[in-house]
Every structure is written in structure tokens, then in C-alpha cells.
Amino acid sequence: MAESSVREVIVPAAHGAAIEVRAGEHLSIVDLEGAQVADFVAIRRDASQRALSPHQTRSTLRRWTLRVGDRLVDTQREPVFEIVRDDVGVHDLFFCACSPALYLQRFGLTDHRSCRVNLLEALAPYGIAEWQLPDPINVFMRTPPRPDGEFEFHPAPSRPGDRLVLRALTDVVAAVSSCPMDLSPINGGRITPLKLVAGAPAEGA
């Protein structure tokens, strides 16, 4: 049936892309070449002021790690996705998207691609303004907090073809940025493309 057909979108290296996902469908975020962080946001189609929230998800789960079976919630703590497959098991629920301000203030750069701009570009056709852009869940990002309160920064442990698969619990538009951060080790020293796959569970998984 047309409404459950599989849709695929390539997220070019250092850029962003969006895909619509209907309730009951699966969304796969696929690392095509390995060691690539995917900044991931999702906004409800029936209420654009409500988005997937890493902070409310962390609070709801009462932990900062994700597991198969976990439900990811929105800003009103209502479930948006359920994790049905996770090849990596390492994701970040703390960091905001890298932005032009970050690259300017930390590195003195004025022309570097950023996840914030990538996500805004991907969501522009849906009328999402900058103030509406939520903080992301950073898929495959390995930046655990240390006992002293600081964060470690390691290359993403994902391998080519690894994926995170989510079952949508409501209609959303999802967007992903292939994180362009090449000034820290989180992307393994090179920026590579990702793939989004949405469709019926048997096909989208």
C-alpha cells in the first residue's frame, strides 16, 4: 500500500535532511560508513510546538543511557518513539547541536557547517523557525560524563551499516544532521553521510 511504502533519504556528509514518519511506522537512522554522529530531532505533525526532548526523555527514564524498549518523549513527556533495535547502544542526551556561535566562540571560524543550520535547512519546508528548533538526541555520539563532572570525547563507535530503529508512536517530521564537527574526535576524523529509512515495520527495520 502506498501509505506504508518505504521511503529513503540520504543525509549528505556535513548536511541535513528530513523525512515524514507516520504513527506505527519504523524510522531507521543508518550510519553508512561508520563513526558518524547523527544529530536527531523530531517535531509532531499535529502540534509543531511539541518536539522530541532529550531532557524530558532523560528525566522520564531517570538515566542518561538508552536501551531497546525505551520510549522517547516530547516536551510534554508524551511518548513519540519506542526503540526497537539499536546496533550501537551509545548515544548522547546532553549536548546541544553545534552552531555558528560555537564555531566562532571556540574556534574563531565564521564559515563552518553546523548541525543547527543543517537542521533548520532540512526543516524549512515545514515552516519551523529557529526558536522552534529543539535540542537533538545525538545518535551514536560517545561523550560520557566522568565522575569529576566533565565529559569525555571519543569517536562514535558505530560501524558501517549500524542503525538505530525507532517505532513512531505519533506522526512526526524527523530531521537528522550529519554532524560536521571535525575539530574534535567525535566523528573519527572524517565526516560521512547517513541514511534515513521510514516505512512499515517489516520493511523499515
N, C-alpha and C. Protein backbone atom coordinates (compact mmCIF):
# COMPACT_ATOMS: atom_id res chain seq x y z
N MET A 1 0.84 -1.19 0.00
CA MET A 1 0.00 0.00 0.00
C MET A 1 0.88 1.25 0.00
N ALA A 2 0.43 2.27 -0.67
CA ALA A 2 1.24 3.46 -0.83
C ALA A 2 1.56 4.10 0.51
N GLU A 3 0.58 4.08 1.44
CA GLU A 3 0.81 4.77 2.71
C GLU A 3 1.86 4.09 3.58
N SER A 4 2.22 2.83 3.30
CA SER A 4 3.22 2.15 4.10
C SER A 4 4.49 1.85 3.30
N SER A 5 4.62 2.45 2.11
CA SER A 5 5.80 2.19 1.29
C SER A 5 7.04 2.74 1.97
N VAL A 6 8.17 2.12 1.66
CA VAL A 6 9.43 2.53 2.25
C VAL A 6 9.94 3.79 1.56
N ARG A 7 10.35 4.77 2.37
CA ARG A 7 10.98 5.98 1.85
C ARG A 7 12.40 6.05 2.39
N GLU A 8 13.33 6.39 1.54
CA GLU A 8 14.73 6.54 1.95
C GLU A 8 15.24 7.92 1.58
N VAL A 9 16.02 8.48 2.48
CA VAL A 9 16.64 9.78 2.26
C VAL A 9 18.10 9.69 2.66
N ILE A 10 18.99 10.10 1.77
CA ILE A 10 20.41 10.18 2.11
C ILE A 10 20.67 11.54 2.74
N VAL A 11 21.37 11.51 3.86
CA VAL A 11 21.80 12.75 4.52
C VAL A 11 23.25 12.98 4.10
N PRO A 12 23.51 13.97 3.23
CA PRO A 12 24.89 14.16 2.76
C PRO A 12 25.84 14.50 3.90
N ALA A 13 27.08 14.15 3.74
CA ALA A 13 28.08 14.47 4.76
C ALA A 13 28.07 15.95 5.07
N ALA A 14 28.01 16.28 6.37
CA ALA A 14 28.07 17.66 6.87
C ALA A 14 26.82 18.47 6.54
N HIS A 15 25.73 17.81 6.13
CA HIS A 15 24.48 18.49 5.83
C HIS A 15 23.33 17.79 6.57
N GLY A 16 22.12 18.23 6.30
CA GLY A 16 20.95 17.67 6.96
C GLY A 16 19.89 17.23 5.99
N ALA A 17 18.92 16.46 6.48
CA ALA A 17 17.78 16.03 5.68
C ALA A 17 16.63 15.70 6.62
N ALA A 18 15.42 15.74 6.08
CA ALA A 18 14.21 15.46 6.87
C ALA A 18 13.38 14.39 6.19
N ILE A 19 12.53 13.73 6.99
CA ILE A 19 11.63 12.70 6.46
C ILE A 19 10.38 12.67 7.33
N GLU A 20 9.23 12.44 6.70
CA GLU A 20 7.98 12.31 7.45
C GLU A 20 7.78 10.86 7.86
N VAL A 21 7.33 10.67 9.10
CA VAL A 21 7.11 9.34 9.65
C VAL A 21 5.73 9.31 10.28
N ARG A 22 4.95 8.29 9.92
CA ARG A 22 3.59 8.17 10.46
C ARG A 22 3.56 7.20 11.64
N ALA A 23 2.59 7.39 12.50
CA ALA A 23 2.43 6.52 13.67
C ALA A 23 2.37 5.07 13.23
N GLY A 24 3.11 4.21 13.90
CA GLY A 24 3.16 2.80 13.57
C GLY A 24 4.30 2.42 12.64
N GLU A 25 4.86 3.40 11.93
CA GLU A 25 5.98 3.11 11.05
C GLU A 25 7.29 3.05 11.84
N HIS A 26 8.29 2.46 11.20
CA HIS A 26 9.63 2.45 11.77
C HIS A 26 10.48 3.50 11.07
N LEU A 27 11.33 4.14 11.85
CA LEU A 27 12.33 5.06 11.32
C LEU A 27 13.70 4.50 11.65
N SER A 28 14.52 4.30 10.62
CA SER A 28 15.89 3.84 10.82
C SER A 28 16.86 4.99 10.53
N ILE A 29 17.80 5.18 11.44
CA ILE A 29 18.92 6.11 11.23
C ILE A 29 20.15 5.24 11.02
N VAL A 30 20.70 5.27 9.82
CA VAL A 30 21.75 4.33 9.41
C VAL A 30 23.07 5.07 9.19
N ASP A 31 24.12 4.58 9.83
CA ASP A 31 25.47 5.10 9.60
C ASP A 31 26.07 4.33 8.43
N LEU A 32 26.24 4.97 7.31
CA LEU A 32 26.65 4.27 6.09
C LEU A 32 28.12 3.86 6.10
N GLU A 33 28.99 4.68 6.68
CA GLU A 33 30.42 4.40 6.61
C GLU A 33 31.08 4.21 7.97
N GLY A 34 30.34 4.49 9.03
CA GLY A 34 30.86 4.27 10.38
C GLY A 34 31.43 5.52 11.03
N ALA A 35 31.33 5.56 12.36
CA ALA A 35 31.91 6.62 13.21
C ALA A 35 31.34 8.00 12.90
N GLN A 36 30.05 8.07 12.53
CA GLN A 36 29.44 9.35 12.21
C GLN A 36 28.30 9.66 13.18
N VAL A 37 28.39 10.79 13.86
CA VAL A 37 27.32 11.24 14.75
C VAL A 37 26.14 11.78 13.95
N ALA A 38 24.93 11.44 14.39
CA ALA A 38 23.70 11.91 13.76
C ALA A 38 22.91 12.74 14.77
N ASP A 39 22.88 14.06 14.58
CA ASP A 39 22.05 14.90 15.43
C ASP A 39 20.60 14.74 14.97
N PHE A 40 19.72 14.29 15.87
CA PHE A 40 18.37 13.84 15.51
C PHE A 40 17.32 14.64 16.26
N VAL A 41 16.38 15.22 15.52
CA VAL A 41 15.24 15.91 16.12
C VAL A 41 13.96 15.40 15.45
N ALA A 42 12.84 15.58 16.13
CA ALA A 42 11.54 15.20 15.58
C ALA A 42 10.48 16.13 16.14
N ILE A 43 9.59 16.58 15.27
CA ILE A 43 8.54 17.52 15.66
C ILE A 43 7.19 16.91 15.29
N ARG A 44 6.25 16.99 16.21
CA ARG A 44 4.93 16.40 15.99
C ARG A 44 4.20 17.14 14.87
N ARG A 45 3.55 16.37 14.00
CA ARG A 45 2.81 16.98 12.90
C ARG A 45 1.53 17.65 13.38
N ASP A 46 0.95 17.19 14.51
CA ASP A 46 -0.31 17.76 14.99
C ASP A 46 -0.09 18.90 15.97
N ALA A 47 1.17 19.17 16.33
CA ALA A 47 1.46 20.23 17.30
C ALA A 47 2.93 20.61 17.15
N SER A 48 3.22 21.57 16.26
CA SER A 48 4.62 21.88 15.94
C SER A 48 5.37 22.49 17.11
N GLN A 49 4.65 22.91 18.16
CA GLN A 49 5.33 23.44 19.34
C GLN A 49 5.83 22.32 20.25
N ARG A 50 5.50 21.07 19.92
CA ARG A 50 5.93 19.93 20.73
C ARG A 50 6.91 19.07 19.94
N ALA A 51 8.05 18.84 20.54
CA ALA A 51 9.12 18.13 19.85
C ALA A 51 9.73 17.08 20.76
N LEU A 52 10.39 16.12 20.14
CA LEU A 52 11.17 15.13 20.88
C LEU A 52 12.15 15.86 21.79
N SER A 53 12.21 15.47 23.05
CA SER A 53 13.03 16.18 24.04
C SER A 53 14.03 15.25 24.70
N PRO A 54 15.34 15.47 24.47
CA PRO A 54 16.33 14.64 25.17
C PRO A 54 16.29 14.87 26.68
N HIS A 55 15.95 16.08 27.10
CA HIS A 55 15.96 16.40 28.53
C HIS A 55 14.79 15.72 29.24
N GLN A 56 13.59 15.80 28.66
CA GLN A 56 12.44 15.14 29.26
C GLN A 56 12.58 13.62 29.17
N THR A 57 13.20 13.13 28.10
CA THR A 57 13.45 11.69 27.98
C THR A 57 14.39 11.23 29.09
N ARG A 58 15.46 11.98 29.31
CA ARG A 58 16.41 11.65 30.38
C ARG A 58 15.73 11.67 31.74
N SER A 59 14.88 12.67 31.95
CA SER A 59 14.16 12.77 33.22
C SER A 59 13.17 11.63 33.39
N THR A 60 12.45 11.30 32.30
CA THR A 60 11.45 10.23 32.37
C THR A 60 12.10 8.87 32.65
N LEU A 61 13.20 8.60 31.96
CA LEU A 61 13.91 7.33 32.14
C LEU A 61 14.71 7.28 33.44
N ARG A 62 15.05 8.45 33.96
CA ARG A 62 15.89 8.59 35.15
C ARG A 62 17.28 7.98 34.93
N ARG A 63 17.76 8.13 33.70
CA ARG A 63 19.13 7.75 33.35
C ARG A 63 19.51 8.46 32.05
N TRP A 64 20.81 8.46 31.73
CA TRP A 64 21.27 9.17 30.54
C TRP A 64 21.68 8.21 29.42
N THR A 65 21.39 6.93 29.58
CA THR A 65 21.64 5.95 28.53
C THR A 65 20.31 5.44 27.98
N LEU A 66 20.35 4.96 26.73
CA LEU A 66 19.14 4.46 26.08
C LEU A 66 19.26 2.95 25.85
N ARG A 67 18.10 2.27 25.89
CA ARG A 67 18.06 0.82 25.70
C ARG A 67 16.89 0.46 24.79
N VAL A 68 16.98 -0.69 24.16
CA VAL A 68 15.83 -1.20 23.39
C VAL A 68 14.63 -1.31 24.32
N GLY A 69 13.50 -0.85 23.83
CA GLY A 69 12.29 -0.83 24.64
C GLY A 69 11.99 0.51 25.28
N ASP A 70 13.00 1.38 25.36
CA ASP A 70 12.77 2.71 25.92
C ASP A 70 11.84 3.52 25.03
N ARG A 71 11.06 4.38 25.66
CA ARG A 71 10.23 5.34 24.94
C ARG A 71 10.85 6.73 25.05
N LEU A 72 10.98 7.37 23.91
CA LEU A 72 11.50 8.74 23.84
C LEU A 72 10.31 9.68 23.86
N VAL A 73 10.35 10.70 24.69
CA VAL A 73 9.18 11.53 24.92
C VAL A 73 9.38 12.95 24.41
N ASP A 74 8.24 13.68 24.32
CA ASP A 74 8.29 15.07 23.86
C ASP A 74 8.36 16.03 25.03
N THR A 75 8.21 17.31 24.74
CA THR A 75 8.34 18.34 25.76
C THR A 75 7.24 18.28 26.80
N GLN A 76 6.15 17.56 26.50
CA GLN A 76 5.08 17.33 27.48
C GLN A 76 5.14 15.92 28.08
N ARG A 77 6.28 15.25 27.87
CA ARG A 77 6.54 13.91 28.41
C ARG A 77 5.62 12.85 27.81
N GLU A 78 5.07 13.14 26.63
CA GLU A 78 4.26 12.15 25.92
C GLU A 78 5.14 11.35 24.97
N PRO A 79 4.97 10.03 24.88
CA PRO A 79 5.83 9.21 24.03
C PRO A 79 5.73 9.57 22.55
N VAL A 80 6.88 9.63 21.90
CA VAL A 80 6.98 9.92 20.47
C VAL A 80 7.53 8.71 19.71
N PHE A 81 8.52 8.03 20.27
CA PHE A 81 9.15 6.86 19.64
C PHE A 81 9.41 5.80 20.70
N GLU A 82 9.48 4.55 20.23
CA GLU A 82 9.99 3.45 21.04
C GLU A 82 11.18 2.83 20.31
N ILE A 83 12.26 2.57 21.03
CA ILE A 83 13.44 1.95 20.42
C ILE A 83 13.17 0.47 20.21
N VAL A 84 13.27 0.00 18.97
CA VAL A 84 13.04 -1.41 18.67
C VAL A 84 14.31 -2.14 18.25
N ARG A 85 15.33 -1.40 17.86
CA ARG A 85 16.62 -2.02 17.51
C ARG A 85 17.70 -0.97 17.71
N ASP A 86 18.84 -1.41 18.24
CA ASP A 86 19.95 -0.48 18.47
C ASP A 86 21.25 -1.26 18.31
N ASP A 87 21.91 -1.07 17.18
CA ASP A 87 23.14 -1.81 16.90
C ASP A 87 24.34 -1.29 17.68
N VAL A 88 24.25 -0.11 18.23
CA VAL A 88 25.41 0.54 18.85
C VAL A 88 25.25 0.69 20.35
N GLY A 89 24.10 1.18 20.80
CA GLY A 89 23.85 1.32 22.23
C GLY A 89 24.56 2.49 22.88
N VAL A 90 25.08 3.40 22.07
CA VAL A 90 25.78 4.58 22.59
C VAL A 90 25.20 5.82 21.92
N HIS A 91 24.64 6.72 22.73
CA HIS A 91 24.04 7.95 22.24
C HIS A 91 24.18 9.01 23.32
N ASP A 92 24.05 10.27 22.93
CA ASP A 92 24.20 11.38 23.87
C ASP A 92 22.88 12.11 24.07
N LEU A 93 22.52 12.35 25.34
CA LEU A 93 21.31 13.09 25.68
C LEU A 93 21.64 14.41 26.37
N PHE A 94 22.88 14.88 26.27
CA PHE A 94 23.29 16.08 26.97
C PHE A 94 23.55 17.28 26.06
N PHE A 95 24.28 17.07 24.96
CA PHE A 95 24.81 18.19 24.20
C PHE A 95 23.79 18.79 23.23
N CYS A 96 23.84 20.12 23.11
CA CYS A 96 23.05 20.81 22.09
C CYS A 96 23.74 20.63 20.74
N ALA A 97 23.06 21.02 19.68
CA ALA A 97 23.64 20.96 18.34
C ALA A 97 24.78 21.98 18.22
N CYS A 98 25.84 21.60 17.52
CA CYS A 98 26.87 22.59 17.23
C CYS A 98 26.26 23.69 16.36
N SER A 99 26.77 24.89 16.51
CA SER A 99 26.13 26.06 15.91
C SER A 99 27.17 27.04 15.39
N PRO A 100 26.75 28.02 14.57
CA PRO A 100 27.70 29.06 14.16
C PRO A 100 28.34 29.77 15.36
N ALA A 101 27.55 30.00 16.43
CA ALA A 101 28.11 30.67 17.60
C ALA A 101 29.21 29.83 18.24
N LEU A 102 29.02 28.51 18.30
CA LEU A 102 30.05 27.63 18.87
C LEU A 102 31.34 27.71 18.07
N TYR A 103 31.24 27.60 16.75
CA TYR A 103 32.45 27.61 15.93
C TYR A 103 33.16 28.95 16.00
N LEU A 104 32.40 30.04 16.12
CA LEU A 104 33.01 31.36 16.24
C LEU A 104 33.68 31.52 17.59
N GLN A 105 32.96 31.21 18.67
CA GLN A 105 33.48 31.46 20.01
C GLN A 105 34.61 30.52 20.38
N ARG A 106 34.50 29.25 19.99
CA ARG A 106 35.51 28.28 20.42
C ARG A 106 36.68 28.17 19.46
N PHE A 107 36.41 28.36 18.16
CA PHE A 107 37.46 28.12 17.16
C PHE A 107 37.76 29.33 16.29
N GLY A 108 37.01 30.42 16.43
CA GLY A 108 37.26 31.60 15.62
C GLY A 108 36.87 31.45 14.17
N LEU A 109 35.95 30.51 13.87
CA LEU A 109 35.55 30.25 12.49
C LEU A 109 34.19 30.87 12.19
N THR A 110 34.06 31.42 10.99
CA THR A 110 32.79 32.07 10.61
C THR A 110 32.08 31.37 9.46
N ASP A 111 32.69 30.33 8.89
CA ASP A 111 32.09 29.71 7.70
C ASP A 111 32.05 28.19 7.81
N HIS A 112 31.92 27.67 9.01
CA HIS A 112 31.90 26.22 9.21
C HIS A 112 30.47 25.72 9.22
N ARG A 113 30.21 24.60 8.56
CA ARG A 113 28.89 23.99 8.63
C ARG A 113 28.58 23.63 10.08
N SER A 114 27.29 23.61 10.43
CA SER A 114 26.90 23.27 11.79
C SER A 114 25.60 22.48 11.79
N CYS A 115 25.41 21.69 12.85
CA CYS A 115 24.18 20.90 12.96
C CYS A 115 22.96 21.80 13.09
N ARG A 116 23.10 22.91 13.79
CA ARG A 116 21.95 23.80 13.95
C ARG A 116 21.45 24.31 12.60
N VAL A 117 22.36 24.77 11.78
CA VAL A 117 21.98 25.26 10.45
C VAL A 117 21.48 24.11 9.59
N ASN A 118 22.14 22.95 9.65
CA ASN A 118 21.71 21.79 8.87
C ASN A 118 20.26 21.43 9.18
N LEU A 119 19.91 21.39 10.46
CA LEU A 119 18.55 21.01 10.86
C LEU A 119 17.54 22.07 10.46
N LEU A 120 17.91 23.33 10.59
CA LEU A 120 17.00 24.40 10.17
C LEU A 120 16.75 24.35 8.67
N GLU A 121 17.80 24.08 7.90
CA GLU A 121 17.63 23.97 6.44
C GLU A 121 16.72 22.79 6.10
N ALA A 122 16.90 21.67 6.78
CA ALA A 122 16.10 20.48 6.49
C ALA A 122 14.63 20.69 6.85
N LEU A 123 14.37 21.47 7.90
CA LEU A 123 13.00 21.67 8.38
C LEU A 123 12.34 22.92 7.81
N ALA A 124 13.06 23.69 7.02
CA ALA A 124 12.49 24.92 6.46
C ALA A 124 11.21 24.68 5.66
N PRO A 125 11.11 23.59 4.87
CA PRO A 125 9.86 23.36 4.13
C PRO A 125 8.65 23.13 5.03
N TYR A 126 8.89 22.85 6.31
CA TYR A 126 7.80 22.60 7.25
C TYR A 126 7.50 23.83 8.10
N GLY A 127 8.12 24.95 7.77
CA GLY A 127 7.83 26.20 8.45
C GLY A 127 8.38 26.28 9.86
N ILE A 128 9.41 25.51 10.17
CA ILE A 128 9.99 25.52 11.51
C ILE A 128 10.96 26.68 11.64
N ALA A 129 10.65 27.60 12.54
CA ALA A 129 11.51 28.75 12.79
C ALA A 129 12.63 28.36 13.74
N GLU A 130 13.66 29.22 13.82
CA GLU A 130 14.82 28.89 14.65
C GLU A 130 14.43 28.71 16.11
N TRP A 131 13.51 29.51 16.60
CA TRP A 131 13.13 29.40 18.01
C TRP A 131 12.42 28.08 18.31
N GLN A 132 11.88 27.42 17.27
CA GLN A 132 11.18 26.16 17.47
C GLN A 132 12.11 24.95 17.44
N LEU A 133 13.35 25.15 17.01
CA LEU A 133 14.26 24.01 16.84
C LEU A 133 14.65 23.43 18.20
N PRO A 134 14.33 22.16 18.46
CA PRO A 134 14.67 21.57 19.76
C PRO A 134 16.13 21.13 19.80
N ASP A 135 16.61 20.87 21.01
CA ASP A 135 17.91 20.23 21.14
C ASP A 135 17.80 18.80 20.62
N PRO A 136 18.89 18.26 20.08
CA PRO A 136 18.84 16.93 19.48
C PRO A 136 19.17 15.82 20.45
N ILE A 137 18.79 14.61 20.05
CA ILE A 137 19.43 13.40 20.57
C ILE A 137 20.58 13.11 19.62
N ASN A 138 21.77 12.97 20.16
CA ASN A 138 22.96 12.79 19.34
C ASN A 138 23.25 11.30 19.19
N VAL A 139 22.71 10.75 18.12
CA VAL A 139 22.78 9.30 17.88
C VAL A 139 24.21 8.89 17.56
N PHE A 140 24.66 7.82 18.19
CA PHE A 140 25.99 7.23 18.03
C PHE A 140 27.11 8.07 18.68
N MET A 141 26.78 9.15 19.36
CA MET A 141 27.81 10.03 19.92
C MET A 141 28.27 9.50 21.28
N ARG A 142 29.59 9.34 21.42
CA ARG A 142 30.17 8.77 22.64
C ARG A 142 30.88 9.87 23.44
N THR A 143 30.14 10.51 24.30
CA THR A 143 30.67 11.59 25.13
C THR A 143 30.18 11.42 26.57
N PRO A 144 30.57 10.34 27.23
CA PRO A 144 30.04 10.07 28.57
C PRO A 144 30.55 11.05 29.61
N PRO A 145 29.72 11.37 30.62
CA PRO A 145 30.20 12.19 31.72
C PRO A 145 31.12 11.39 32.64
N ARG A 146 32.13 12.07 33.17
CA ARG A 146 33.06 11.44 34.10
C ARG A 146 32.65 11.73 35.53
N PRO A 147 33.17 10.99 36.49
CA PRO A 147 32.83 11.25 37.89
C PRO A 147 33.16 12.67 38.35
N ASP A 148 34.15 13.32 37.69
CA ASP A 148 34.52 14.68 38.10
C ASP A 148 33.60 15.73 37.50
N GLY A 149 32.58 15.30 36.73
CA GLY A 149 31.62 16.23 36.15
C GLY A 149 31.93 16.67 34.74
N GLU A 150 33.12 16.38 34.24
CA GLU A 150 33.48 16.73 32.87
C GLU A 150 33.06 15.60 31.93
N PHE A 151 33.08 15.91 30.62
CA PHE A 151 32.72 14.93 29.61
C PHE A 151 33.96 14.41 28.90
N GLU A 152 33.92 13.13 28.53
CA GLU A 152 34.93 12.56 27.64
C GLU A 152 34.44 12.70 26.20
N PHE A 153 35.40 12.71 25.26
CA PHE A 153 35.06 12.84 23.84
C PHE A 153 35.79 11.74 23.08
N HIS A 154 35.00 10.79 22.55
CA HIS A 154 35.55 9.65 21.83
C HIS A 154 34.93 9.57 20.44
N PRO A 155 35.60 8.93 19.49
CA PRO A 155 34.97 8.69 18.19
C PRO A 155 33.69 7.87 18.34
N ALA A 156 32.71 8.17 17.53
CA ALA A 156 31.47 7.39 17.53
C ALA A 156 31.81 5.92 17.27
N PRO A 157 31.27 4.98 18.05
CA PRO A 157 31.62 3.57 17.90
C PRO A 157 30.84 2.84 16.82
N SER A 158 29.97 3.52 16.10
CA SER A 158 29.16 2.86 15.06
C SER A 158 30.04 2.39 13.91
N ARG A 159 29.64 1.25 13.32
CA ARG A 159 30.33 0.68 12.18
C ARG A 159 29.47 0.83 10.93
N PRO A 160 30.04 0.64 9.73
CA PRO A 160 29.25 0.78 8.52
C PRO A 160 27.99 -0.10 8.55
N GLY A 161 26.85 0.51 8.31
CA GLY A 161 25.58 -0.22 8.30
C GLY A 161 24.87 -0.27 9.63
N ASP A 162 25.52 0.13 10.71
CA ASP A 162 24.84 0.14 12.01
C ASP A 162 23.67 1.11 11.98
N ARG A 163 22.63 0.78 12.76
CA ARG A 163 21.43 1.61 12.75
C ARG A 163 20.75 1.64 14.10
N LEU A 164 19.98 2.70 14.28
CA LEU A 164 19.03 2.83 15.37
C LEU A 164 17.65 2.81 14.73
N VAL A 165 16.78 1.92 15.20
CA VAL A 165 15.44 1.80 14.63
C VAL A 165 14.41 2.16 15.69
N LEU A 166 13.52 3.07 15.33
CA LEU A 166 12.51 3.59 16.24
C LEU A 166 11.12 3.34 15.67
N ARG A 167 10.19 2.96 16.53
CA ARG A 167 8.79 2.87 16.12
C ARG A 167 8.09 4.16 16.49
N ALA A 168 7.50 4.81 15.49
CA ALA A 168 6.82 6.08 15.73
C ALA A 168 5.49 5.83 16.45
N LEU A 169 5.24 6.61 17.48
CA LEU A 169 4.01 6.49 18.25
C LEU A 169 3.04 7.62 17.93
N THR A 170 3.47 8.55 17.10
CA THR A 170 2.63 9.63 16.60
C THR A 170 3.23 10.10 15.29
N ASP A 171 2.49 10.87 14.52
CA ASP A 171 3.01 11.39 13.25
C ASP A 171 4.02 12.50 13.52
N VAL A 172 5.18 12.41 12.88
CA VAL A 172 6.24 13.41 13.09
C VAL A 172 6.92 13.73 11.77
N VAL A 173 7.61 14.86 11.77
CA VAL A 173 8.65 15.09 10.77
C VAL A 173 9.97 15.00 11.53
N ALA A 174 10.84 14.13 11.06
CA ALA A 174 12.13 13.90 11.69
C ALA A 174 13.22 14.50 10.82
N ALA A 175 14.26 15.02 11.46
CA ALA A 175 15.39 15.58 10.72
C ALA A 175 16.68 15.12 11.38
N VAL A 176 17.69 14.92 10.55
CA VAL A 176 19.00 14.47 11.03
C VAL A 176 20.08 15.31 10.35
N SER A 177 21.08 15.66 11.14
CA SER A 177 22.28 16.30 10.61
C SER A 177 23.44 15.33 10.69
N SER A 178 24.16 15.20 9.59
CA SER A 178 25.45 14.51 9.63
C SER A 178 26.43 15.50 10.26
N CYS A 179 26.72 15.29 11.54
CA CYS A 179 27.45 16.30 12.31
C CYS A 179 28.77 16.67 11.63
N PRO A 180 28.97 17.97 11.35
CA PRO A 180 30.18 18.38 10.63
C PRO A 180 31.38 18.68 11.53
N MET A 181 31.28 18.32 12.81
CA MET A 181 32.38 18.62 13.75
C MET A 181 33.63 17.82 13.38
N ASP A 182 34.64 18.53 12.89
CA ASP A 182 35.91 17.90 12.53
C ASP A 182 37.06 18.47 13.36
N LEU A 183 36.72 19.15 14.46
CA LEU A 183 37.72 19.76 15.32
C LEU A 183 37.79 19.08 16.68
N SER A 184 37.07 17.97 16.81
CA SER A 184 37.17 17.09 17.98
C SER A 184 37.08 15.67 17.44
N PRO A 185 37.36 14.65 18.27
CA PRO A 185 37.42 13.28 17.74
C PRO A 185 36.08 12.59 17.55
N ILE A 186 34.93 13.25 17.79
CA ILE A 186 33.66 12.54 17.89
C ILE A 186 33.25 11.85 16.60
N ASN A 187 33.70 12.33 15.44
CA ASN A 187 33.34 11.71 14.16
C ASN A 187 34.48 10.91 13.54
N GLY A 188 35.45 10.56 14.34
CA GLY A 188 36.51 9.68 13.86
C GLY A 188 37.43 10.30 12.84
N GLY A 189 37.47 11.63 12.77
CA GLY A 189 38.42 12.30 11.88
C GLY A 189 37.92 12.59 10.49
N ARG A 190 36.69 12.16 10.16
CA ARG A 190 36.14 12.48 8.84
C ARG A 190 34.62 12.51 8.93
N ILE A 191 34.00 13.30 8.06
CA ILE A 191 32.55 13.48 8.07
C ILE A 191 31.96 12.68 6.91
N THR A 192 30.95 11.86 7.19
CA THR A 192 30.42 10.94 6.20
C THR A 192 28.89 10.97 6.18
N PRO A 193 28.27 10.44 5.13
CA PRO A 193 26.82 10.51 5.02
C PRO A 193 26.10 9.49 5.90
N LEU A 194 24.81 9.76 6.09
CA LEU A 194 23.90 8.89 6.81
C LEU A 194 22.72 8.56 5.90
N LYS A 195 21.85 7.67 6.35
CA LYS A 195 20.62 7.36 5.62
C LYS A 195 19.47 7.28 6.58
N LEU A 196 18.30 7.82 6.16
CA LEU A 196 17.06 7.68 6.89
C LEU A 196 16.14 6.78 6.09
N VAL A 197 15.49 5.84 6.79
CA VAL A 197 14.54 4.92 6.16
C VAL A 197 13.26 4.93 6.99
N ALA A 198 12.14 5.18 6.35
CA ALA A 198 10.85 5.17 7.03
C ALA A 198 9.90 4.26 6.29
N GLY A 199 9.11 3.50 7.04
CA GLY A 199 8.15 2.61 6.41
C GLY A 199 7.55 1.63 7.37
N ALA A 200 6.78 0.69 6.83
CA ALA A 200 6.12 -0.33 7.66
C ALA A 200 7.16 -1.13 8.43
N PRO A 201 6.83 -1.61 9.60
CA PRO A 201 7.83 -2.27 10.45
C PRO A 201 8.62 -3.37 9.77
N ALA A 202 7.96 -4.23 9.03
CA ALA A 202 8.68 -5.35 8.41
C ALA A 202 9.69 -4.87 7.38
N GLU A 203 9.39 -3.71 6.76
CA GLU A 203 10.28 -3.20 5.72
C GLU A 203 11.27 -2.17 6.26
N GLY A 204 10.79 -1.28 7.14
CA GLY A 204 11.62 -0.20 7.61
C GLY A 204 12.68 -0.64 8.60
N ALA A 205 12.53 -1.81 9.21
CA ALA A 205 13.54 -2.26 10.17
C ALA A 205 14.80 -2.73 9.49
